[in-house]
Amino acid sequence: MDELQQALAPLAPQLDAGATTVVNLRRLSGGASQETWAFETDTGAPMILRRKPPSATGSGTAVPLATEAALIRAAAAQGAIVPRVLAESAPGSDIGEAYVMARLEGETLGKRIARDPPFEAIRPGLAAQCGKALAAIHAAPTEGLPPLVTSSALTELEKYEAVYRGSGAERPIFEAAIRFLRDRAPALDRPVLVHGDFRNGNIMVHPEQGLVGVLDWELAHLGDPAEDMGWICTRSWRFGGAKPVGGFGDYADLLDADHAAGGREISLERVLYWEMLGSLKWGCMCLTMYMAYASGADASAERAMIGRRASETEIDLVALLEQAA
């Protein structure tokens, strides 16, 4: 930690006028993907460092951190509510592959945003704020972006069907959903920048201001703008809230705000397709976690707890299939 703080110190003048060093560095999260650190400059400016762990091999799906930083800046140029990227660090430097953002104030825990009393006043307008943010993200000119994978509904379905087949599980509801989704996969005509993990839990919300930042860009790609909409509507990301959009809002508020902010017109039917695909995707992820637990490859209680949620996605898929019938 001391070495990292020393490596960050020369960035201080770039981060805040008058700053000469950084203080109070502390780790916020761990994992094999990325590290998140909080610190302040000696002038008191709050910052976040997002860094690739020195020993990480990468997940194979996450975009490089330099790409994340570029995408956040591209979205900001369109008016999206995102953190300000203030500095970047290259692989091989003392800091390593990383970038620094201005730290936002708010909540990221989905259950609190969807259900807790401090957020009651801002919840009615939050889905519209999300729709406006998505319109800005999707408006980023694709020709100016770093290289990104392009993914359609069919390629996403094929990817997660492969995950399901590889698990060895036999789930009739998953089979029915795969057939339904394959037969109705919408064509991808004009790919846009897609956040890829836009959901309650990856947005920061202030109890008085509402949405203050869209976070966690590591799964960004080019694709269907309805993908982002369907993902935040997936029931697993409602955290017990009664409303379909993140547990806090209605479909119409999300769609109308997106369109009013310049987004292309998207039908509710298309969003519901991606919502169903979202439930299937999360169910497949849960299955892989259960298989890791059952095989002994990862005997942690966390894997077992998440793995059992595959059954919840089956309930969601039944409801969506019935609704579409």
C-alpha atoms as a PDB file:
ATOM      1  CA  MET A   1       0.000   0.000   0.000  1.00  0.00           C
ATOM      2  CA  ASP A   2       2.812   2.426   0.859  1.00  0.00           C
ATOM      3  CA  GLU A   3       4.443   1.763  -2.509  1.00  0.00           C
ATOM      4  CA  LEU A   4       1.184   2.437  -4.353  1.00  0.00           C
ATOM      5  CA  GLN A   5       0.593   5.655  -2.435  1.00  0.00           C
ATOM      6  CA  GLN A   6       4.101   6.814  -3.313  1.00  0.00           C
ATOM      7  CA  ALA A   7       3.501   5.946  -6.958  1.00  0.00           C
ATOM      8  CA  LEU A   8       0.267   7.964  -6.967  1.00  0.00           C
ATOM      9  CA  ALA A   9       1.808  11.061  -5.377  1.00  0.00           C
ATOM     10  CA  PRO A  10       3.229  12.557  -8.625  1.00  0.00           C
ATOM     11  CA  LEU A  11      -0.295  12.542 -10.110  1.00  0.00           C
ATOM     12  CA  ALA A  12      -1.645  14.825  -7.371  1.00  0.00           C
ATOM     13  CA  PRO A  13      -1.191  18.167  -9.234  1.00  0.00           C
ATOM     14  CA  GLN A  14      -3.042  16.689 -12.220  1.00  0.00           C
ATOM     15  CA  LEU A  15      -5.907  15.564 -10.015  1.00  0.00           C
ATOM     16  CA  ASP A  16      -6.568  18.813  -8.150  1.00  0.00           C
ATOM     17  CA  ALA A  17      -5.129  22.312  -8.407  1.00  0.00           C
ATOM     18  CA  GLY A  18      -2.675  22.969  -5.598  1.00  0.00           C
ATOM     19  CA  ALA A  19      -2.328  19.353  -4.561  1.00  0.00           C
ATOM     20  CA  THR A  20       1.169  17.992  -3.951  1.00  0.00           C
ATOM     21  CA  THR A  21       0.552  14.404  -2.787  1.00  0.00           C
ATOM     22  CA  VAL A  22      -2.133  11.851  -1.947  1.00  0.00           C
ATOM     23  CA  VAL A  23      -3.270  10.625   1.459  1.00  0.00           C
ATOM     24  CA  ASN A  24      -5.491   8.039   3.143  1.00  0.00           C
ATOM     25  CA  LEU A  25      -5.236   5.336   0.487  1.00  0.00           C
ATOM     26  CA  ARG A  26      -7.461   2.318   1.272  1.00  0.00           C
ATOM     27  CA  ARG A  27      -8.730  -0.696  -0.631  1.00  0.00           C
ATOM     28  CA  LEU A  28     -12.472  -0.837  -1.278  1.00  0.00           C
ATOM     29  CA  SER A  29     -12.862  -4.123  -3.127  1.00  0.00           C
ATOM     30  CA  GLY A  30     -10.929  -7.132  -4.271  1.00  0.00           C
ATOM     31  CA  GLY A  31     -11.213  -9.944  -6.750  1.00  0.00           C
ATOM     32  CA  ALA A  32      -9.426 -11.263  -9.785  1.00  0.00           C
ATOM     33  CA  SER A  33     -10.905  -8.679 -12.146  1.00  0.00           C
ATOM     34  CA  GLN A  34     -10.024  -5.182 -10.936  1.00  0.00           C
ATOM     35  CA  GLU A  35      -9.057  -3.398  -7.735  1.00  0.00           C
ATOM     36  CA  THR A  36     -10.820  -0.302  -6.443  1.00  0.00           C
ATOM     37  CA  TRP A  37      -9.030   2.104  -4.101  1.00  0.00           C
ATOM     38  CA  ALA A  38     -10.195   5.334  -2.456  1.00  0.00           C
ATOM     39  CA  PHE A  39      -7.885   8.181  -1.494  1.00  0.00           C
ATOM     40  CA  GLU A  40      -7.752  11.948  -1.199  1.00  0.00           C
ATOM     41  CA  THR A  41      -5.310  14.568  -2.387  1.00  0.00           C
ATOM     42  CA  ASP A  42      -3.711  16.680   0.319  1.00  0.00           C
ATOM     43  CA  THR A  43      -6.148  19.437  -0.713  1.00  0.00           C
ATOM     44  CA  GLY A  44      -9.037  17.185   0.282  1.00  0.00           C
ATOM     45  CA  ALA A  45     -10.295  16.170  -3.178  1.00  0.00           C
ATOM     46  CA  PRO A  46     -11.852  12.642  -3.017  1.00  0.00           C
ATOM     47  CA  MET A  47     -10.637  10.184  -5.668  1.00  0.00           C
ATOM     48  CA  ILE A  48     -11.086   6.598  -6.851  1.00  0.00           C
ATOM     49  CA  LEU A  49      -8.346   4.469  -8.400  1.00  0.00           C
ATOM     50  CA  ARG A  50      -9.434   1.580 -10.607  1.00  0.00           C
ATOM     51  CA  ARG A  51      -6.464  -0.718 -11.159  1.00  0.00           C
ATOM     52  CA  LYS A  52      -5.703  -4.084 -12.672  1.00  0.00           C
ATOM     53  CA  PRO A  53      -4.180  -6.321  -9.985  1.00  0.00           C
ATOM     54  CA  PRO A  54      -0.484  -6.919 -10.657  1.00  0.00           C
ATOM     55  CA  SER A  55      -0.996 -10.706 -10.702  1.00  0.00           C
ATOM     56  CA  ALA A  56      -4.299 -10.791 -12.584  1.00  0.00           C
ATOM     57  CA  THR A  57      -4.542 -12.818 -15.758  1.00  0.00           C
ATOM     58  CA  GLY A  58      -7.822 -11.231 -16.861  1.00  0.00           C
ATOM     59  CA  SER A  59     -11.279 -12.707 -17.373  1.00  0.00           C
ATOM     60  CA  GLY A  60     -11.115 -12.721 -21.158  1.00  0.00           C
ATOM     61  CA  THR A  61     -14.284 -10.611 -21.398  1.00  0.00           C
ATOM     62  CA  ALA A  62     -13.383  -7.377 -19.607  1.00  0.00           C
ATOM     63  CA  VAL A  63     -12.182  -4.499 -21.773  1.00  0.00           C
ATOM     64  CA  PRO A  64      -8.768  -2.987 -20.937  1.00  0.00           C
ATOM     65  CA  LEU A  65      -8.835  -0.200 -18.373  1.00  0.00           C
ATOM     66  CA  ALA A  66      -7.597   2.302 -20.971  1.00  0.00           C
ATOM     67  CA  THR A  67     -10.674   1.372 -23.018  1.00  0.00           C
ATOM     68  CA  GLU A  68     -12.936   1.792 -19.984  1.00  0.00           C
ATOM     69  CA  ALA A  69     -11.522   5.278 -19.419  1.00  0.00           C
ATOM     70  CA  ALA A  70     -11.980   6.208 -23.081  1.00  0.00           C
ATOM     71  CA  LEU A  71     -15.586   4.967 -23.096  1.00  0.00           C
ATOM     72  CA  ILE A  72     -16.454   6.916 -19.956  1.00  0.00           C
ATOM     73  CA  ARG A  73     -15.030  10.050 -21.562  1.00  0.00           C
ATOM     74  CA  ALA A  74     -16.947   9.362 -24.785  1.00  0.00           C
ATOM     75  CA  ALA A  75     -20.190   8.957 -22.845  1.00  0.00           C
ATOM     76  CA  ALA A  76     -19.481  12.114 -20.839  1.00  0.00           C
ATOM     77  CA  ALA A  77     -19.033  14.049 -24.092  1.00  0.00           C
ATOM     78  CA  GLN A  78     -22.621  13.119 -24.957  1.00  0.00           C
ATOM     79  CA  GLY A  79     -23.895  14.307 -21.583  1.00  0.00           C
ATOM     80  CA  ALA A  80     -24.045  10.969 -19.764  1.00  0.00           C
ATOM     81  CA  ILE A  81     -23.854  11.086 -15.977  1.00  0.00           C
ATOM     82  CA  VAL A  82     -20.541   9.357 -15.366  1.00  0.00           C
ATOM     83  CA  PRO A  83     -17.510   9.907 -13.111  1.00  0.00           C
ATOM     84  CA  ARG A  84     -14.830  12.314 -14.366  1.00  0.00           C
ATOM     85  CA  VAL A  85     -11.724  10.457 -15.502  1.00  0.00           C
ATOM     86  CA  LEU A  86      -8.766  12.576 -14.390  1.00  0.00           C
ATOM     87  CA  ALA A  87      -5.649  10.504 -15.072  1.00  0.00           C
ATOM     88  CA  GLU A  88      -4.516   7.223 -16.592  1.00  0.00           C
ATOM     89  CA  SER A  89      -1.587   4.927 -15.925  1.00  0.00           C
ATOM     90  CA  ALA A  90      -0.050   2.522 -18.424  1.00  0.00           C
ATOM     91  CA  PRO A  91       0.817  -1.137 -17.878  1.00  0.00           C
ATOM     92  CA  GLY A  92       4.373  -1.518 -16.620  1.00  0.00           C
ATOM     93  CA  SER A  93       4.376   1.776 -14.719  1.00  0.00           C
ATOM     94  CA  ASP A  94       4.801   1.999 -10.936  1.00  0.00           C
ATOM     95  CA  ILE A  95       1.012   2.218 -10.567  1.00  0.00           C
ATOM     96  CA  GLY A  96       0.283  -0.330 -13.262  1.00  0.00           C
ATOM     97  CA  GLU A  97      -2.660  -0.398 -15.633  1.00  0.00           C
ATOM     98  CA  ALA A  98      -5.151   1.974 -14.024  1.00  0.00           C
ATOM     99  CA  TYR A  99      -7.102   5.187 -14.148  1.00  0.00           C
ATOM    100  CA  VAL A 100      -8.209   7.738 -11.550  1.00  0.00           C
ATOM    101  CA  MET A 101     -11.714   9.197 -11.275  1.00  0.00           C
ATOM    102  CA  ALA A 102     -13.240  11.900  -9.131  1.00  0.00           C
ATOM    103  CA  ARG A 103     -15.104  10.135  -6.319  1.00  0.00           C
ATOM    104  CA  LEU A 104     -18.880  10.462  -6.307  1.00  0.00           C
ATOM    105  CA  GLU A 105     -21.128  10.581  -3.262  1.00  0.00           C
ATOM    106  CA  GLY A 106     -24.057   8.209  -3.160  1.00  0.00           C
ATOM    107  CA  GLU A 107     -25.247   4.625  -2.772  1.00  0.00           C
ATOM    108  CA  THR A 108     -24.586   1.605  -5.002  1.00  0.00           C
ATOM    109  CA  LEU A 109     -26.274  -1.185  -3.028  1.00  0.00           C
ATOM    110  CA  GLY A 110     -29.293  -2.190  -5.082  1.00  0.00           C
ATOM    111  CA  LYS A 111     -31.512  -3.232  -2.182  1.00  0.00           C
ATOM    112  CA  ARG A 112     -31.132   0.139  -0.483  1.00  0.00           C
ATOM    113  CA  ILE A 113     -31.838   2.052  -3.687  1.00  0.00           C
ATOM    114  CA  ALA A 114     -34.944  -0.021  -4.463  1.00  0.00           C
ATOM    115  CA  ARG A 115     -36.424  -0.256  -0.969  1.00  0.00           C
ATOM    116  CA  ASP A 116     -34.909   1.901   1.751  1.00  0.00           C
ATOM    117  CA  PRO A 117     -36.730   5.028   3.040  1.00  0.00           C
ATOM    118  CA  PRO A 118     -33.919   7.554   2.300  1.00  0.00           C
ATOM    119  CA  PHE A 119     -34.444   6.957  -1.450  1.00  0.00           C
ATOM    120  CA  GLU A 120     -38.238   7.077  -1.423  1.00  0.00           C
ATOM    121  CA  ALA A 121     -38.437  10.649  -2.676  1.00  0.00           C
ATOM    122  CA  ILE A 122     -36.152  10.151  -5.697  1.00  0.00           C
ATOM    123  CA  ARG A 123     -37.367   6.700  -6.794  1.00  0.00           C
ATOM    124  CA  PRO A 124     -40.294   7.985  -8.932  1.00  0.00           C
ATOM    125  CA  GLY A 125     -37.902   9.875 -11.216  1.00  0.00           C
ATOM    126  CA  LEU A 126     -35.008   7.422 -11.242  1.00  0.00           C
ATOM    127  CA  ALA A 127     -36.116   5.287 -14.214  1.00  0.00           C
ATOM    128  CA  ALA A 128     -36.361   8.423 -16.351  1.00  0.00           C
ATOM    129  CA  GLN A 129     -32.872   9.463 -15.258  1.00  0.00           C
ATOM    130  CA  CYS A 130     -31.623   6.035 -16.315  1.00  0.00           C
ATOM    131  CA  GLY A 131     -33.348   6.364 -19.690  1.00  0.00           C
ATOM    132  CA  LYS A 132     -31.727   9.752 -20.286  1.00  0.00           C
ATOM    133  CA  ALA A 133     -28.321   8.371 -19.299  1.00  0.00           C
ATOM    134  CA  LEU A 134     -28.716   5.438 -21.688  1.00  0.00           C
ATOM    135  CA  ALA A 135     -29.658   7.739 -24.569  1.00  0.00           C
ATOM    136  CA  ALA A 136     -26.404   9.630 -24.037  1.00  0.00           C
ATOM    137  CA  ILE A 137     -24.298   6.459 -23.788  1.00  0.00           C
ATOM    138  CA  HIS A 138     -25.842   4.994 -26.931  1.00  0.00           C
ATOM    139  CA  ALA A 139     -25.268   8.286 -28.800  1.00  0.00           C
ATOM    140  CA  ALA A 140     -21.473   8.076 -28.544  1.00  0.00           C
ATOM    141  CA  PRO A 141     -20.046   8.005 -32.114  1.00  0.00           C
ATOM    142  CA  THR A 142     -18.834   4.454 -32.671  1.00  0.00           C
ATOM    143  CA  GLU A 143     -16.151   5.446 -35.162  1.00  0.00           C
ATOM    144  CA  GLY A 144     -14.218   7.273 -32.452  1.00  0.00           C
ATOM    145  CA  LEU A 145     -14.246   4.448 -29.910  1.00  0.00           C
ATOM    146  CA  PRO A 146     -11.479   1.960 -29.075  1.00  0.00           C
ATOM    147  CA  PRO A 147     -11.860  -1.522 -30.621  1.00  0.00           C
ATOM    148  CA  LEU A 148     -14.871  -3.306 -29.150  1.00  0.00           C
ATOM    149  CA  VAL A 149     -16.616  -6.624 -29.694  1.00  0.00           C
ATOM    150  CA  THR A 150     -19.952  -6.433 -31.520  1.00  0.00           C
ATOM    151  CA  SER A 151     -22.667  -8.664 -30.093  1.00  0.00           C
ATOM    152  CA  SER A 152     -26.244  -9.232 -31.246  1.00  0.00           C
ATOM    153  CA  ALA A 153     -29.132 -10.937 -29.503  1.00  0.00           C
ATOM    154  CA  LEU A 154     -28.320 -14.173 -31.319  1.00  0.00           C
ATOM    155  CA  THR A 155     -24.603 -14.125 -30.477  1.00  0.00           C
ATOM    156  CA  GLU A 156     -25.387 -13.380 -26.814  1.00  0.00           C
ATOM    157  CA  LEU A 157     -27.886 -16.250 -26.762  1.00  0.00           C
ATOM    158  CA  GLU A 158     -25.375 -18.616 -28.377  1.00  0.00           C
ATOM    159  CA  LYS A 159     -22.695 -17.628 -25.875  1.00  0.00           C
ATOM    160  CA  TYR A 160     -24.855 -18.386 -22.857  1.00  0.00           C
ATOM    161  CA  GLU A 161     -26.389 -21.502 -24.390  1.00  0.00           C
ATOM    162  CA  ALA A 162     -22.805 -22.784 -24.659  1.00  0.00           C
ATOM    163  CA  VAL A 163     -22.305 -21.995 -20.970  1.00  0.00           C
ATOM    164  CA  TYR A 164     -25.500 -23.882 -20.137  1.00  0.00           C
ATOM    165  CA  ARG A 165     -24.577 -26.906 -22.256  1.00  0.00           C
ATOM    166  CA  GLY A 166     -21.105 -26.931 -20.733  1.00  0.00           C
ATOM    167  CA  SER A 167     -22.548 -27.071 -17.216  1.00  0.00           C
ATOM    168  CA  GLY A 168     -24.116 -30.464 -17.890  1.00  0.00           C
ATOM    169  CA  ALA A 169     -27.385 -29.283 -16.337  1.00  0.00           C
ATOM    170  CA  GLU A 170     -30.765 -30.322 -17.701  1.00  0.00           C
ATOM    171  CA  ARG A 171     -33.314 -27.599 -17.045  1.00  0.00           C
ATOM    172  CA  PRO A 172     -36.562 -27.789 -19.072  1.00  0.00           C
ATOM    173  CA  ILE A 173     -37.342 -24.112 -18.463  1.00  0.00           C
ATOM    174  CA  PHE A 174     -33.941 -23.072 -19.779  1.00  0.00           C
ATOM    175  CA  GLU A 175     -34.501 -25.275 -22.840  1.00  0.00           C
ATOM    176  CA  ALA A 176     -37.883 -23.639 -23.506  1.00  0.00           C
ATOM    177  CA  ALA A 177     -36.446 -20.145 -23.080  1.00  0.00           C
ATOM    178  CA  ILE A 178     -33.543 -20.881 -25.440  1.00  0.00           C
ATOM    179  CA  ARG A 179     -35.933 -22.088 -28.152  1.00  0.00           C
ATOM    180  CA  PHE A 180     -38.227 -19.098 -27.663  1.00  0.00           C
ATOM    181  CA  LEU A 181     -35.377 -16.594 -27.770  1.00  0.00           C
ATOM    182  CA  ARG A 182     -33.696 -18.208 -30.771  1.00  0.00           C
ATOM    183  CA  ASP A 183     -36.908 -18.058 -32.808  1.00  0.00           C
ATOM    184  CA  ARG A 184     -37.476 -14.383 -31.997  1.00  0.00           C
ATOM    185  CA  ALA A 185     -33.964 -12.906 -31.913  1.00  0.00           C
ATOM    186  CA  PRO A 186     -34.152  -9.334 -33.238  1.00  0.00           C
ATOM    187  CA  ALA A 187     -31.718  -8.314 -35.961  1.00  0.00           C
ATOM    188  CA  LEU A 188     -28.925  -5.905 -35.122  1.00  0.00           C
ATOM    189  CA  ASP A 189     -29.047  -3.145 -37.714  1.00  0.00           C
ATOM    190  CA  ARG A 190     -27.080  -0.211 -36.248  1.00  0.00           C
ATOM    191  CA  PRO A 191     -24.830  -1.214 -33.350  1.00  0.00           C
ATOM    192  CA  VAL A 192     -24.310   1.401 -30.644  1.00  0.00           C
ATOM    193  CA  LEU A 193     -22.077   1.642 -27.594  1.00  0.00           C
ATOM    194  CA  VAL A 194     -23.679  -0.650 -25.009  1.00  0.00           C
ATOM    195  CA  HIS A 195     -22.654  -0.432 -21.354  1.00  0.00           C
ATOM    196  CA  GLY A 196     -23.139  -4.178 -20.996  1.00  0.00           C
ATOM    197  CA  ASP A 197     -23.851  -4.265 -17.249  1.00  0.00           C
ATOM    198  CA  PHE A 198     -26.285  -1.382 -16.786  1.00  0.00           C
ATOM    199  CA  ARG A 199     -28.321  -2.367 -13.731  1.00  0.00           C
ATOM    200  CA  ASN A 200     -29.255  -1.445 -10.197  1.00  0.00           C
ATOM    201  CA  GLY A 201     -26.007  -2.100  -8.346  1.00  0.00           C
ATOM    202  CA  ASN A 202     -23.819  -0.540 -11.048  1.00  0.00           C
ATOM    203  CA  ILE A 203     -25.319   2.917 -10.771  1.00  0.00           C
ATOM    204  CA  MET A 204     -24.643   5.385  -7.992  1.00  0.00           C
ATOM    205  CA  VAL A 205     -27.686   7.126  -6.558  1.00  0.00           C
ATOM    206  CA  HIS A 206     -27.842  10.067  -4.161  1.00  0.00           C
ATOM    207  CA  PRO A 207     -30.936  10.274  -1.905  1.00  0.00           C
ATOM    208  CA  GLU A 208     -31.568  13.879  -2.954  1.00  0.00           C
ATOM    209  CA  GLN A 209     -30.122  14.104  -6.485  1.00  0.00           C
ATOM    210  CA  GLY A 210     -30.994  10.682  -7.851  1.00  0.00           C
ATOM    211  CA  LEU A 211     -28.619   9.218 -10.418  1.00  0.00           C
ATOM    212  CA  VAL A 212     -25.122  10.644 -10.027  1.00  0.00           C
ATOM    213  CA  GLY A 213     -23.015   8.127 -11.936  1.00  0.00           C
ATOM    214  CA  VAL A 214     -22.982   5.053 -14.183  1.00  0.00           C
ATOM    215  CA  LEU A 215     -20.193   2.720 -13.020  1.00  0.00           C
ATOM    216  CA  ASP A 216     -18.439  -0.552 -13.973  1.00  0.00           C
ATOM    217  CA  TRP A 217     -17.802  -0.374 -17.709  1.00  0.00           C
ATOM    218  CA  GLU A 218     -15.728  -3.532 -18.078  1.00  0.00           C
ATOM    219  CA  LEU A 219     -18.354  -5.392 -20.162  1.00  0.00           C
ATOM    220  CA  ALA A 220     -18.976  -2.566 -22.652  1.00  0.00           C
ATOM    221  CA  HIS A 221     -19.339  -3.529 -26.311  1.00  0.00           C
ATOM    222  CA  LEU A 222     -21.223  -2.614 -29.473  1.00  0.00           C
ATOM    223  CA  GLY A 223     -24.736  -3.936 -29.761  1.00  0.00           C
ATOM    224  CA  ASP A 224     -28.472  -3.361 -29.388  1.00  0.00           C
ATOM    225  CA  PRO A 225     -29.475  -0.395 -27.179  1.00  0.00           C
ATOM    226  CA  ALA A 226     -32.382  -2.494 -25.870  1.00  0.00           C
ATOM    227  CA  GLU A 227     -29.817  -4.816 -24.250  1.00  0.00           C
ATOM    228  CA  ASP A 228     -29.010  -2.229 -21.585  1.00  0.00           C
ATOM    229  CA  MET A 229     -32.706  -1.586 -21.016  1.00  0.00           C
ATOM    230  CA  GLY A 230     -33.573  -5.248 -20.677  1.00  0.00           C
ATOM    231  CA  TRP A 231     -30.718  -5.892 -18.251  1.00  0.00           C
ATOM    232  CA  ILE A 232     -31.796  -3.237 -15.726  1.00  0.00           C
ATOM    233  CA  CYS A 233     -35.341  -4.649 -15.964  1.00  0.00           C
ATOM    234  CA  THR A 234     -34.241  -8.243 -15.296  1.00  0.00           C
ATOM    235  CA  ARG A 235     -35.958  -9.330 -12.089  1.00  0.00           C
ATOM    236  CA  SER A 236     -32.730 -10.465 -10.441  1.00  0.00           C
ATOM    237  CA  TRP A 237     -31.625  -6.799 -10.359  1.00  0.00           C
ATOM    238  CA  ARG A 238     -34.827  -5.475  -8.769  1.00  0.00           C
ATOM    239  CA  PHE A 239     -33.698  -6.484  -5.263  1.00  0.00           C
ATOM    240  CA  GLY A 240     -37.228  -7.069  -4.043  1.00  0.00           C
ATOM    241  CA  GLY A 241     -38.541  -3.768  -5.377  1.00  0.00           C
ATOM    242  CA  ALA A 242     -42.042  -3.776  -6.824  1.00  0.00           C
ATOM    243  CA  LYS A 243     -41.260  -1.931 -10.068  1.00  0.00           C
ATOM    244  CA  PRO A 244     -39.765  -3.545 -13.202  1.00  0.00           C
ATOM    245  CA  VAL A 245     -36.936  -1.057 -13.835  1.00  0.00           C
ATOM    246  CA  GLY A 246     -34.318  -1.814 -11.183  1.00  0.00           C
ATOM    247  CA  GLY A 247     -37.064  -2.338  -8.603  1.00  0.00           C
ATOM    248  CA  PHE A 248     -37.816   1.394  -8.593  1.00  0.00           C
ATOM    249  CA  GLY A 249     -39.423   2.460 -11.901  1.00  0.00           C
ATOM    250  CA  ASP A 250     -41.801   1.643 -14.755  1.00  0.00           C
ATOM    251  CA  TYR A 251     -41.007   0.566 -18.304  1.00  0.00           C
ATOM    252  CA  ALA A 252     -42.721   3.613 -19.803  1.00  0.00           C
ATOM    253  CA  ASP A 253     -40.625   6.048 -17.785  1.00  0.00           C
ATOM    254  CA  LEU A 254     -37.394   4.405 -18.975  1.00  0.00           C
ATOM    255  CA  LEU A 255     -38.455   4.176 -22.623  1.00  0.00           C
ATOM    256  CA  ASP A 256     -40.057   7.613 -22.859  1.00  0.00           C
ATOM    257  CA  ALA A 257     -37.071   9.370 -21.274  1.00  0.00           C
ATOM    258  CA  ASP A 258     -34.634   7.557 -23.539  1.00  0.00           C
ATOM    259  CA  HIS A 259     -36.586   8.540 -26.648  1.00  0.00           C
ATOM    260  CA  ALA A 260     -37.106  12.129 -25.473  1.00  0.00           C
ATOM    261  CA  ALA A 261     -33.330  12.455 -24.964  1.00  0.00           C
ATOM    262  CA  GLY A 262     -32.628  11.423 -28.550  1.00  0.00           C
ATOM    263  CA  GLY A 263     -32.546   7.637 -28.306  1.00  0.00           C
ATOM    264  CA  ARG A 264     -34.030   5.610 -31.140  1.00  0.00           C
ATOM    265  CA  GLU A 265     -37.600   4.410 -30.622  1.00  0.00           C
ATOM    266  CA  ILE A 266     -37.526   1.019 -28.903  1.00  0.00           C
ATOM    267  CA  SER A 267     -40.581  -1.131 -28.351  1.00  0.00           C
ATOM    268  CA  LEU A 268     -41.489  -2.657 -25.017  1.00  0.00           C
ATOM    269  CA  GLU A 269     -41.581  -6.033 -26.786  1.00  0.00           C
ATOM    270  CA  ARG A 270     -37.881  -5.674 -27.650  1.00  0.00           C
ATOM    271  CA  VAL A 271     -37.012  -4.724 -24.074  1.00  0.00           C
ATOM    272  CA  LEU A 272     -38.956  -7.736 -22.766  1.00  0.00           C
ATOM    273  CA  TYR A 273     -37.000  -9.979 -25.132  1.00  0.00           C
ATOM    274  CA  TRP A 274     -33.726  -8.729 -23.641  1.00  0.00           C
ATOM    275  CA  GLU A 275     -35.195  -9.012 -20.150  1.00  0.00           C
ATOM    276  CA  MET A 276     -35.886 -12.690 -20.783  1.00  0.00           C
ATOM    277  CA  LEU A 277     -32.406 -13.154 -22.225  1.00  0.00           C
ATOM    278  CA  GLY A 278     -31.075 -11.375 -19.135  1.00  0.00           C
ATOM    279  CA  SER A 279     -32.804 -13.873 -16.838  1.00  0.00           C
ATOM    280  CA  LEU A 280     -31.408 -16.740 -18.888  1.00  0.00           C
ATOM    281  CA  LYS A 281     -27.895 -15.254 -18.809  1.00  0.00           C
ATOM    282  CA  TRP A 282     -27.954 -14.807 -15.051  1.00  0.00           C
ATOM    283  CA  GLY A 283     -29.384 -18.275 -14.606  1.00  0.00           C
ATOM    284  CA  CYS A 284     -26.501 -19.743 -16.615  1.00  0.00           C
ATOM    285  CA  MET A 285     -24.004 -17.792 -14.532  1.00  0.00           C
ATOM    286  CA  CYS A 286     -25.629 -19.120 -11.368  1.00  0.00           C
ATOM    287  CA  LEU A 287     -25.380 -22.654 -12.727  1.00  0.00           C
ATOM    288  CA  THR A 288     -21.643 -22.317 -13.310  1.00  0.00           C
ATOM    289  CA  MET A 289     -21.208 -21.115  -9.734  1.00  0.00           C
ATOM    290  CA  TYR A 290     -23.185 -24.058  -8.414  1.00  0.00           C
ATOM    291  CA  MET A 291     -21.146 -26.488 -10.514  1.00  0.00           C
ATOM    292  CA  ALA A 292     -17.925 -24.963  -9.164  1.00  0.00           C
ATOM    293  CA  TYR A 293     -19.234 -25.514  -5.639  1.00  0.00           C
ATOM    294  CA  ALA A 294     -20.572 -29.023  -6.274  1.00  0.00           C
ATOM    295  CA  SER A 295     -17.353 -30.161  -7.935  1.00  0.00           C
ATOM    296  CA  GLY A 296     -15.225 -28.869  -5.085  1.00  0.00           C
ATOM    297  CA  ALA A 297     -13.387 -26.426  -7.349  1.00  0.00           C
ATOM    298  CA  ASP A 298     -14.693 -23.586  -5.171  1.00  0.00           C
ATOM    299  CA  ALA A 299     -16.295 -24.713  -1.919  1.00  0.00           C
ATOM    300  CA  SER A 300     -17.089 -21.194  -0.696  1.00  0.00           C
ATOM    301  CA  ALA A 301     -20.521 -20.480   0.764  1.00  0.00           C
ATOM    302  CA  GLU A 302     -20.838 -17.550  -1.651  1.00  0.00           C
ATOM    303  CA  ARG A 303     -20.726 -19.876  -4.668  1.00  0.00           C
ATOM    304  CA  ALA A 304     -23.393 -22.107  -3.132  1.00  0.00           C
ATOM    305  CA  MET A 305     -25.651 -19.184  -2.249  1.00  0.00           C
ATOM    306  CA  ILE A 306     -25.444 -17.630  -5.721  1.00  0.00           C
ATOM    307  CA  GLY A 307     -25.721 -21.021  -7.400  1.00  0.00           C
ATOM    308  CA  ARG A 308     -29.096 -21.732  -5.820  1.00  0.00           C
ATOM    309  CA  ARG A 309     -30.488 -18.592  -7.459  1.00  0.00           C
ATOM    310  CA  ALA A 310     -30.705 -20.448 -10.773  1.00  0.00           C
ATOM    311  CA  SER A 311     -34.109 -21.639  -9.573  1.00  0.00           C
ATOM    312  CA  GLU A 312     -35.228 -18.015  -9.140  1.00  0.00           C
ATOM    313  CA  THR A 313     -34.415 -17.288 -12.775  1.00  0.00           C
ATOM    314  CA  GLU A 314     -36.511 -20.297 -13.800  1.00  0.00           C
ATOM    315  CA  ILE A 315     -39.517 -18.730 -12.055  1.00  0.00           C
ATOM    316  CA  ASP A 316     -38.810 -15.454 -13.858  1.00  0.00           C
ATOM    317  CA  LEU A 317     -38.524 -17.217 -17.220  1.00  0.00           C
ATOM    318  CA  VAL A 318     -41.834 -19.038 -16.694  1.00  0.00           C
ATOM    319  CA  ALA A 319     -43.559 -15.719 -15.991  1.00  0.00           C
ATOM    320  CA  LEU A 320     -42.013 -14.061 -19.053  1.00  0.00           C
ATOM    321  CA  LEU A 321     -42.852 -16.994 -21.329  1.00  0.00           C
ATOM    322  CA  GLU A 322     -46.434 -16.957 -20.091  1.00  0.00           C
ATOM    323  CA  GLN A 323     -46.628 -13.192 -20.638  1.00  0.00           C
ATOM    324  CA  ALA A 324     -45.356 -13.576 -24.204  1.00  0.00           C
ATOM    325  CA  ALA A 325     -47.729 -16.437 -25.060  1.00  0.00           C
END
